[in-house]
PDB file of N, CA and C in Angstrom:
ATOM      1  N   MET A   1       0.850  -1.175   0.000  1.00  0.00           N
ATOM      2  CA  MET A   1       0.000   0.000   0.000  1.00  0.00           C
ATOM      3  C   MET A   1       0.895   1.238   0.000  1.00  0.00           C
ATOM      4  N   SER A   2       0.473   2.281  -0.660  1.00  0.00           N
ATOM      5  CA  SER A   2       1.289   3.482  -0.756  1.00  0.00           C
ATOM      6  C   SER A   2       0.849   4.512   0.272  1.00  0.00           C
ATOM      7  N   ALA A   3       1.653   5.556   0.379  1.00  0.00           N
ATOM      8  CA  ALA A   3       1.348   6.635   1.309  1.00  0.00           C
ATOM      9  C   ALA A   3       0.032   7.289   0.919  1.00  0.00           C
ATOM     10  N   ILE A   4      -0.640   7.834   1.897  1.00  0.00           N
ATOM     11  CA  ILE A   4      -1.876   8.557   1.641  1.00  0.00           C
ATOM     12  C   ILE A   4      -1.512   9.829   0.879  1.00  0.00           C
ATOM     13  N   ASP A   5      -2.150  10.042  -0.260  1.00  0.00           N
ATOM     14  CA  ASP A   5      -1.875  11.207  -1.090  1.00  0.00           C
ATOM     15  C   ASP A   5      -2.791  12.338  -0.651  1.00  0.00           C
ATOM     16  N   THR A   6      -2.265  13.217   0.183  1.00  0.00           N
ATOM     17  CA  THR A   6      -3.089  14.291   0.718  1.00  0.00           C
ATOM     18  C   THR A   6      -2.223  15.466   1.124  1.00  0.00           C
ATOM     19  N   ASP A   7      -2.837  16.595   1.223  1.00  0.00           N
ATOM     20  CA  ASP A   7      -2.185  17.780   1.764  1.00  0.00           C
ATOM     21  C   ASP A   7      -2.738  17.981   3.167  1.00  0.00           C
ATOM     22  N   CYS A   8      -2.107  17.377   4.137  1.00  0.00           N
ATOM     23  CA  CYS A   8      -2.573  17.479   5.517  1.00  0.00           C
ATOM     24  C   CYS A   8      -2.172  18.827   6.095  1.00  0.00           C
ATOM     25  N   ASP A   9      -3.016  19.333   6.985  1.00  0.00           N
ATOM     26  CA  ASP A   9      -2.756  20.617   7.618  1.00  0.00           C
ATOM     27  C   ASP A   9      -1.701  20.511   8.709  1.00  0.00           C
ATOM     28  N   ARG A  10      -1.644  19.360   9.351  1.00  0.00           N
ATOM     29  CA  ARG A  10      -0.693  19.144  10.452  1.00  0.00           C
ATOM     30  C   ARG A  10      -0.096  17.753  10.322  1.00  0.00           C
ATOM     31  N   VAL A  11       1.135  17.626  10.795  1.00  0.00           N
ATOM     32  CA  VAL A  11       1.815  16.329  10.791  1.00  0.00           C
ATOM     33  C   VAL A  11       2.384  16.090  12.180  1.00  0.00           C
ATOM     34  N   LEU A  12       2.148  14.892  12.703  1.00  0.00           N
ATOM     35  CA  LEU A  12       2.742  14.474  13.971  1.00  0.00           C
ATOM     36  C   LEU A  12       3.460  13.158  13.719  1.00  0.00           C
ATOM     37  N   ASP A  13       4.779  13.179  13.851  1.00  0.00           N
ATOM     38  CA  ASP A  13       5.577  11.967  13.672  1.00  0.00           C
ATOM     39  C   ASP A  13       5.822  11.367  15.052  1.00  0.00           C
ATOM     40  N   ALA A  14       5.033  10.362  15.399  1.00  0.00           N
ATOM     41  CA  ALA A  14       5.125   9.741  16.722  1.00  0.00           C
ATOM     42  C   ALA A  14       6.431   8.985  16.911  1.00  0.00           C
ATOM     43  N   ARG A  15       7.125   8.690  15.833  1.00  0.00           N
ATOM     44  CA  ARG A  15       8.407   7.988  15.946  1.00  0.00           C
ATOM     45  C   ARG A  15       9.455   8.857  16.625  1.00  0.00           C
ATOM     46  N   ASP A  16       9.257  10.176  16.610  1.00  0.00           N
ATOM     47  CA  ASP A  16      10.209  11.103  17.222  1.00  0.00           C
ATOM     48  C   ASP A  16       9.932  11.345  18.702  1.00  0.00           C
ATOM     49  N   ILE A  17       8.854  10.787  19.219  1.00  0.00           N
ATOM     50  CA  ILE A  17       8.453  11.030  20.603  1.00  0.00           C
ATOM     51  C   ILE A  17       9.026   9.940  21.496  1.00  0.00           C
ATOM     52  N   GLU A  18       9.734  10.362  22.533  1.00  0.00           N
ATOM     53  CA  GLU A  18      10.248   9.393  23.504  1.00  0.00           C
ATOM     54  C   GLU A  18       9.119   9.034  24.462  1.00  0.00           C
ATOM     55  N   GLY A  19       8.953   7.750  24.728  1.00  0.00           N
ATOM     56  CA  GLY A  19       7.901   7.313  25.634  1.00  0.00           C
ATOM     57  C   GLY A  19       6.560   7.212  24.937  1.00  0.00           C
ATOM     58  N   GLU A  20       5.514   7.226  25.730  1.00  0.00           N
ATOM     59  CA  GLU A  20       4.142   7.050  25.247  1.00  0.00           C
ATOM     60  C   GLU A  20       3.686   8.272  24.444  1.00  0.00           C
ATOM     61  N   PRO A  21       3.272   8.097  23.192  1.00  0.00           N
ATOM     62  CA  PRO A  21       2.879   9.245  22.370  1.00  0.00           C
ATOM     63  C   PRO A  21       1.422   9.680  22.525  1.00  0.00           C
ATOM     64  N   PHE A  22       0.612   8.948  23.296  1.00  0.00           N
ATOM     65  CA  PHE A  22      -0.821   9.228  23.320  1.00  0.00           C
ATOM     66  C   PHE A  22      -1.136  10.661  23.747  1.00  0.00           C
ATOM     67  N   GLY A  23      -0.430  11.192  24.719  1.00  0.00           N
ATOM     68  CA  GLY A  23      -0.681  12.568  25.162  1.00  0.00           C
ATOM     69  C   GLY A  23      -0.459  13.572  24.044  1.00  0.00           C
ATOM     70  N   HIS A  24       0.585  13.375  23.261  1.00  0.00           N
ATOM     71  CA  HIS A  24       0.874  14.256  22.126  1.00  0.00           C
ATOM     72  C   HIS A  24      -0.209  14.130  21.049  1.00  0.00           C
ATOM     73  N   ILE A  25      -0.640  12.900  20.807  1.00  0.00           N
ATOM     74  CA  ILE A  25      -1.690  12.669  19.813  1.00  0.00           C
ATOM     75  C   ILE A  25      -2.991  13.322  20.273  1.00  0.00           C
ATOM     76  N   SER A  26      -3.338  13.152  21.540  1.00  0.00           N
ATOM     77  CA  SER A  26      -4.560  13.733  22.088  1.00  0.00           C
ATOM     78  C   SER A  26      -4.545  15.256  21.974  1.00  0.00           C
ATOM     79  N   THR A  27      -3.414  15.869  22.282  1.00  0.00           N
ATOM     80  CA  THR A  27      -3.284  17.322  22.157  1.00  0.00           C
ATOM     81  C   THR A  27      -3.449  17.757  20.708  1.00  0.00           C
ATOM     82  N   ALA A  28      -2.824  17.032  19.792  1.00  0.00           N
ATOM     83  CA  ALA A  28      -2.941  17.364  18.367  1.00  0.00           C
ATOM     84  C   ALA A  28      -4.392  17.262  17.905  1.00  0.00           C
ATOM     85  N   LEU A  29      -5.119  16.271  18.404  1.00  0.00           N
ATOM     86  CA  LEU A  29      -6.532  16.132  18.051  1.00  0.00           C
ATOM     87  C   LEU A  29      -7.347  17.293  18.610  1.00  0.00           C
ATOM     88  N   ASP A  30      -7.060  17.689  19.856  1.00  0.00           N
ATOM     89  CA  ASP A  30      -7.772  18.807  20.474  1.00  0.00           C
ATOM     90  C   ASP A  30      -7.577  20.093  19.683  1.00  0.00           C
ATOM     91  N   GLU A  31      -6.397  20.264  19.102  1.00  0.00           N
ATOM     92  CA  GLU A  31      -6.056  21.487  18.378  1.00  0.00           C
ATOM     93  C   GLU A  31      -6.497  21.461  16.916  1.00  0.00           C
ATOM     94  N   LEU A  32      -7.006  20.336  16.452  1.00  0.00           N
ATOM     95  CA  LEU A  32      -7.383  20.192  15.052  1.00  0.00           C
ATOM     96  C   LEU A  32      -8.682  20.945  14.762  1.00  0.00           C
ATOM     97  N   GLY A  33      -8.622  21.835  13.788  1.00  0.00           N
ATOM     98  CA  GLY A  33      -9.798  22.614  13.406  1.00  0.00           C
ATOM     99  C   GLY A  33     -10.833  21.755  12.694  1.00  0.00           C
ATOM    100  N   PRO A  34     -12.040  22.285  12.513  1.00  0.00           N
ATOM    101  CA  PRO A  34     -13.129  21.499  11.930  1.00  0.00           C
ATOM    102  C   PRO A  34     -12.859  21.003  10.510  1.00  0.00           C
ATOM    103  N   ASP A  35     -12.093  21.730   9.737  1.00  0.00           N
ATOM    104  CA  ASP A  35     -11.812  21.332   8.355  1.00  0.00           C
ATOM    105  C   ASP A  35     -10.354  20.941   8.148  1.00  0.00           C
ATOM    106  N   GLU A  36      -9.638  20.711   9.233  1.00  0.00           N
ATOM    107  CA  GLU A  36      -8.220  20.361   9.138  1.00  0.00           C
ATOM    108  C   GLU A  36      -8.028  18.848   9.186  1.00  0.00           C
ATOM    109  N   THR A  37      -6.876  18.429   8.689  1.00  0.00           N
ATOM    110  CA  THR A  37      -6.507  17.020   8.678  1.00  0.00           C
ATOM    111  C   THR A  37      -5.144  16.865   9.334  1.00  0.00           C
ATOM    112  N   LEU A  38      -5.029  15.848  10.177  1.00  0.00           N
ATOM    113  CA  LEU A  38      -3.771  15.510  10.840  1.00  0.00           C
ATOM    114  C   LEU A  38      -3.212  14.252  10.202  1.00  0.00           C
ATOM    115  N   LEU A  39      -1.933  14.290   9.859  1.00  0.00           N
ATOM    116  CA  LEU A  39      -1.243  13.085   9.410  1.00  0.00           C
ATOM    117  C   LEU A  39      -0.401  12.582  10.570  1.00  0.00           C
ATOM    118  N   LEU A  40      -0.747  11.417  11.095  1.00  0.00           N
ATOM    119  CA  LEU A  40       0.017  10.765  12.149  1.00  0.00           C
ATOM    120  C   LEU A  40       0.936   9.747  11.490  1.00  0.00           C
ATOM    121  N   VAL A  41       2.226   9.862  11.747  1.00  0.00           N
ATOM    122  CA  VAL A  41       3.211   8.909  11.242  1.00  0.00           C
ATOM    123  C   VAL A  41       3.650   8.070  12.426  1.00  0.00           C
ATOM    124  N   ASN A  42       3.602   6.749  12.268  1.00  0.00           N
ATOM    125  CA  ASN A  42       3.910   5.863  13.379  1.00  0.00           C
ATOM    126  C   ASN A  42       4.728   4.681  12.883  1.00  0.00           C
ATOM    127  N   SER A  43       5.387   4.003  13.803  1.00  0.00           N
ATOM    128  CA  SER A  43       6.221   2.852  13.444  1.00  0.00           C
ATOM    129  C   SER A  43       5.424   1.548  13.420  1.00  0.00           C
ATOM    130  N   PHE A  44       4.159   1.610  13.832  1.00  0.00           N
ATOM    131  CA  PHE A  44       3.288   0.430  13.820  1.00  0.00           C
ATOM    132  C   PHE A  44       1.864   0.912  13.567  1.00  0.00           C
ATOM    133  N   GLU A  45       0.993  -0.004  13.179  1.00  0.00           N
ATOM    134  CA  GLU A  45      -0.402   0.377  12.996  1.00  0.00           C
ATOM    135  C   GLU A  45      -1.023   0.610  14.371  1.00  0.00           C
ATOM    136  N   PRO A  46      -1.510   1.811  14.636  1.00  0.00           N
ATOM    137  CA  PRO A  46      -2.018   2.144  15.968  1.00  0.00           C
ATOM    138  C   PRO A  46      -3.469   1.706  16.175  1.00  0.00           C
ATOM    139  N   VAL A  47      -3.704   0.414  16.086  1.00  0.00           N
ATOM    140  CA  VAL A  47      -5.060  -0.133  16.180  1.00  0.00           C
ATOM    141  C   VAL A  47      -5.790   0.333  17.446  1.00  0.00           C
ATOM    142  N   PRO A  48      -5.153   0.361  18.629  1.00  0.00           N
ATOM    143  CA  PRO A  48      -5.878   0.810  19.826  1.00  0.00           C
ATOM    144  C   PRO A  48      -6.388   2.252  19.716  1.00  0.00           C
ATOM    145  N   LEU A  49      -5.771   3.046  18.864  1.00  0.00           N
ATOM    146  CA  LEU A  49      -6.182   4.438  18.698  1.00  0.00           C
ATOM    147  C   LEU A  49      -7.505   4.564  17.946  1.00  0.00           C
ATOM    148  N   TYR A  50      -7.838   3.609  17.124  1.00  0.00           N
ATOM    149  CA  TYR A  50      -9.014   3.718  16.258  1.00  0.00           C
ATOM    150  C   TYR A  50     -10.314   3.889  17.044  1.00  0.00           C
ATOM    151  N   ASP A  51     -10.497   3.144  18.119  1.00  0.00           N
ATOM    152  CA  ASP A  51     -11.702   3.298  18.944  1.00  0.00           C
ATOM    153  C   ASP A  51     -11.741   4.671  19.604  1.00  0.00           C
ATOM    154  N   VAL A  52     -10.588   5.153  20.046  1.00  0.00           N
ATOM    155  CA  VAL A  52     -10.508   6.484  20.656  1.00  0.00           C
ATOM    156  C   VAL A  52     -10.920   7.541  19.633  1.00  0.00           C
ATOM    157  N   LEU A  53     -10.403   7.414  18.418  1.00  0.00           N
ATOM    158  CA  LEU A  53     -10.757   8.370  17.366  1.00  0.00           C
ATOM    159  C   LEU A  53     -12.262   8.369  17.120  1.00  0.00           C
ATOM    160  N   SER A  54     -12.832   7.197  16.990  1.00  0.00           N
ATOM    161  CA  SER A  54     -14.268   7.079  16.746  1.00  0.00           C
ATOM    162  C   SER A  54     -15.075   7.684  17.886  1.00  0.00           C
ATOM    163  N   ASP A  55     -14.685   7.375  19.115  1.00  0.00           N
ATOM    164  CA  ASP A  55     -15.395   7.889  20.292  1.00  0.00           C
ATOM    165  C   ASP A  55     -15.332   9.414  20.375  1.00  0.00           C
ATOM    166  N   ARG A  56     -14.248   9.989  19.841  1.00  0.00           N
ATOM    167  CA  ARG A  56     -14.064  11.444  19.902  1.00  0.00           C
ATOM    168  C   ARG A  56     -14.569  12.154  18.643  1.00  0.00           C
ATOM    169  N   GLY A  57     -15.193  11.412  17.732  1.00  0.00           N
ATOM    170  CA  GLY A  57     -15.794  12.037  16.563  1.00  0.00           C
ATOM    171  C   GLY A  57     -14.858  12.254  15.391  1.00  0.00           C
ATOM    172  N   PHE A  58     -13.840  11.413  15.287  1.00  0.00           N
ATOM    173  CA  PHE A  58     -12.895  11.510  14.179  1.00  0.00           C
ATOM    174  C   PHE A  58     -13.023  10.291  13.277  1.00  0.00           C
ATOM    175  N   GLU A  59     -12.615  10.464  12.023  1.00  0.00           N
ATOM    176  CA  GLU A  59     -12.499   9.343  11.102  1.00  0.00           C
ATOM    177  C   GLU A  59     -11.045   9.267  10.658  1.00  0.00           C
ATOM    178  N   HIS A  60     -10.651   8.110  10.147  1.00  0.00           N
ATOM    179  CA  HIS A  60      -9.252   7.943   9.765  1.00  0.00           C
ATOM    180  C   HIS A  60      -9.128   7.064   8.531  1.00  0.00           C
ATOM    181  N   GLU A  61      -7.989   7.219   7.887  1.00  0.00           N
ATOM    182  CA  GLU A  61      -7.593   6.359   6.777  1.00  0.00           C
ATOM    183  C   GLU A  61      -6.138   5.991   7.028  1.00  0.00           C
ATOM    184  N   THR A  62      -5.827   4.702   6.962  1.00  0.00           N
ATOM    185  CA  THR A  62      -4.498   4.219   7.316  1.00  0.00           C
ATOM    186  C   THR A  62      -3.822   3.569   6.122  1.00  0.00           C
ATOM    187  N   ALA A  63      -2.510   3.819   6.002  1.00  0.00           N
ATOM    188  CA  ALA A  63      -1.718   3.188   4.946  1.00  0.00           C
ATOM    189  C   ALA A  63      -0.393   2.710   5.531  1.00  0.00           C
ATOM    190  N   HIS A  64      -0.010   1.489   5.195  1.00  0.00           N
ATOM    191  CA  HIS A  64       1.298   0.933   5.564  1.00  0.00           C
ATOM    192  C   HIS A  64       2.238   1.280   4.419  1.00  0.00           C
ATOM    193  N   VAL A  65       3.145   2.219   4.647  1.00  0.00           N
ATOM    194  CA  VAL A  65       3.938   2.764   3.546  1.00  0.00           C
ATOM    195  C   VAL A  65       5.331   2.162   3.427  1.00  0.00           C
ATOM    196  N   ALA A  66       5.853   1.592   4.511  1.00  0.00           N
ATOM    197  CA  ALA A  66       7.190   0.993   4.495  1.00  0.00           C
ATOM    198  C   ALA A  66       7.347   0.171   5.764  1.00  0.00           C
ATOM    199  N   ASP A  67       8.437  -0.595   5.828  1.00  0.00           N
ATOM    200  CA  ASP A  67       8.726  -1.301   7.072  1.00  0.00           C
ATOM    201  C   ASP A  67       8.778  -0.274   8.194  1.00  0.00           C
ATOM    202  N   ALA A  68       8.034  -0.519   9.246  1.00  0.00           N
ATOM    203  CA  ALA A  68       7.997   0.349  10.426  1.00  0.00           C
ATOM    204  C   ALA A  68       7.552   1.773  10.105  1.00  0.00           C
ATOM    205  N   GLU A  69       6.673   1.925   9.115  1.00  0.00           N
ATOM    206  CA  GLU A  69       6.113   3.250   8.839  1.00  0.00           C
ATOM    207  C   GLU A  69       4.658   3.131   8.395  1.00  0.00           C
ATOM    208  N   TRP A  70       3.802   3.697   9.217  1.00  0.00           N
ATOM    209  CA  TRP A  70       2.362   3.738   8.960  1.00  0.00           C
ATOM    210  C   TRP A  70       1.926   5.191   8.942  1.00  0.00           C
ATOM    211  N   HIS A  71       1.036   5.549   8.023  1.00  0.00           N
ATOM    212  CA  HIS A  71       0.463   6.886   7.955  1.00  0.00           C
ATOM    213  C   HIS A  71      -1.025   6.781   8.258  1.00  0.00           C
ATOM    214  N   VAL A  72      -1.480   7.615   9.180  1.00  0.00           N
ATOM    215  CA  VAL A  72      -2.898   7.660   9.533  1.00  0.00           C
ATOM    216  C   VAL A  72      -3.380   9.091   9.316  1.00  0.00           C
ATOM    217  N   GLU A  73      -4.269   9.261   8.356  1.00  0.00           N
ATOM    218  CA  GLU A  73      -4.860  10.566   8.081  1.00  0.00           C
ATOM    219  C   GLU A  73      -6.125  10.681   8.922  1.00  0.00           C
ATOM    220  N   ILE A  74      -6.183  11.712   9.766  1.00  0.00           N
ATOM    221  CA  ILE A  74      -7.272  11.869  10.729  1.00  0.00           C
ATOM    222  C   ILE A  74      -7.987  13.193  10.478  1.00  0.00           C
ATOM    223  N   SER A  75      -9.316  13.129  10.452  1.00  0.00           N
ATOM    224  CA  SER A  75     -10.123  14.341  10.311  1.00  0.00           C
ATOM    225  C   SER A  75     -11.404  14.168  11.125  1.00  0.00           C
ATOM    226  N   ARG A  76     -12.072  15.284  11.356  1.00  0.00           N
ATOM    227  CA  ARG A  76     -13.344  15.220  12.089  1.00  0.00           C
ATOM    228  C   ARG A  76     -14.401  14.585  11.199  1.00  0.00           C
ATOM    229  N   ALA A  77     -15.206  13.728  11.795  1.00  0.00           N
ATOM    230  CA  ALA A  77     -16.251  13.018  11.024  1.00  0.00           C
ATOM    231  C   ALA A  77     -17.393  13.947  10.673  1.00  0.00           C
TER     232      ALA A  77
END
């Protein structure tokens, strides 16, 4: 699968975060405007995050772009 082809408004590369990235992701979601899109880059598919996104009113599209690289495009539903 290839990278998501999009012009995201914000990018958060969780691979650069030491320790648990959830707090950083949560903050980025809180700051996301109604028509903005966040690109989350991660070293694994963040399956546990999907329920959180849904519960908070977000939708996502995920692509496995390389070994240890996943892109998750997140926007408000």
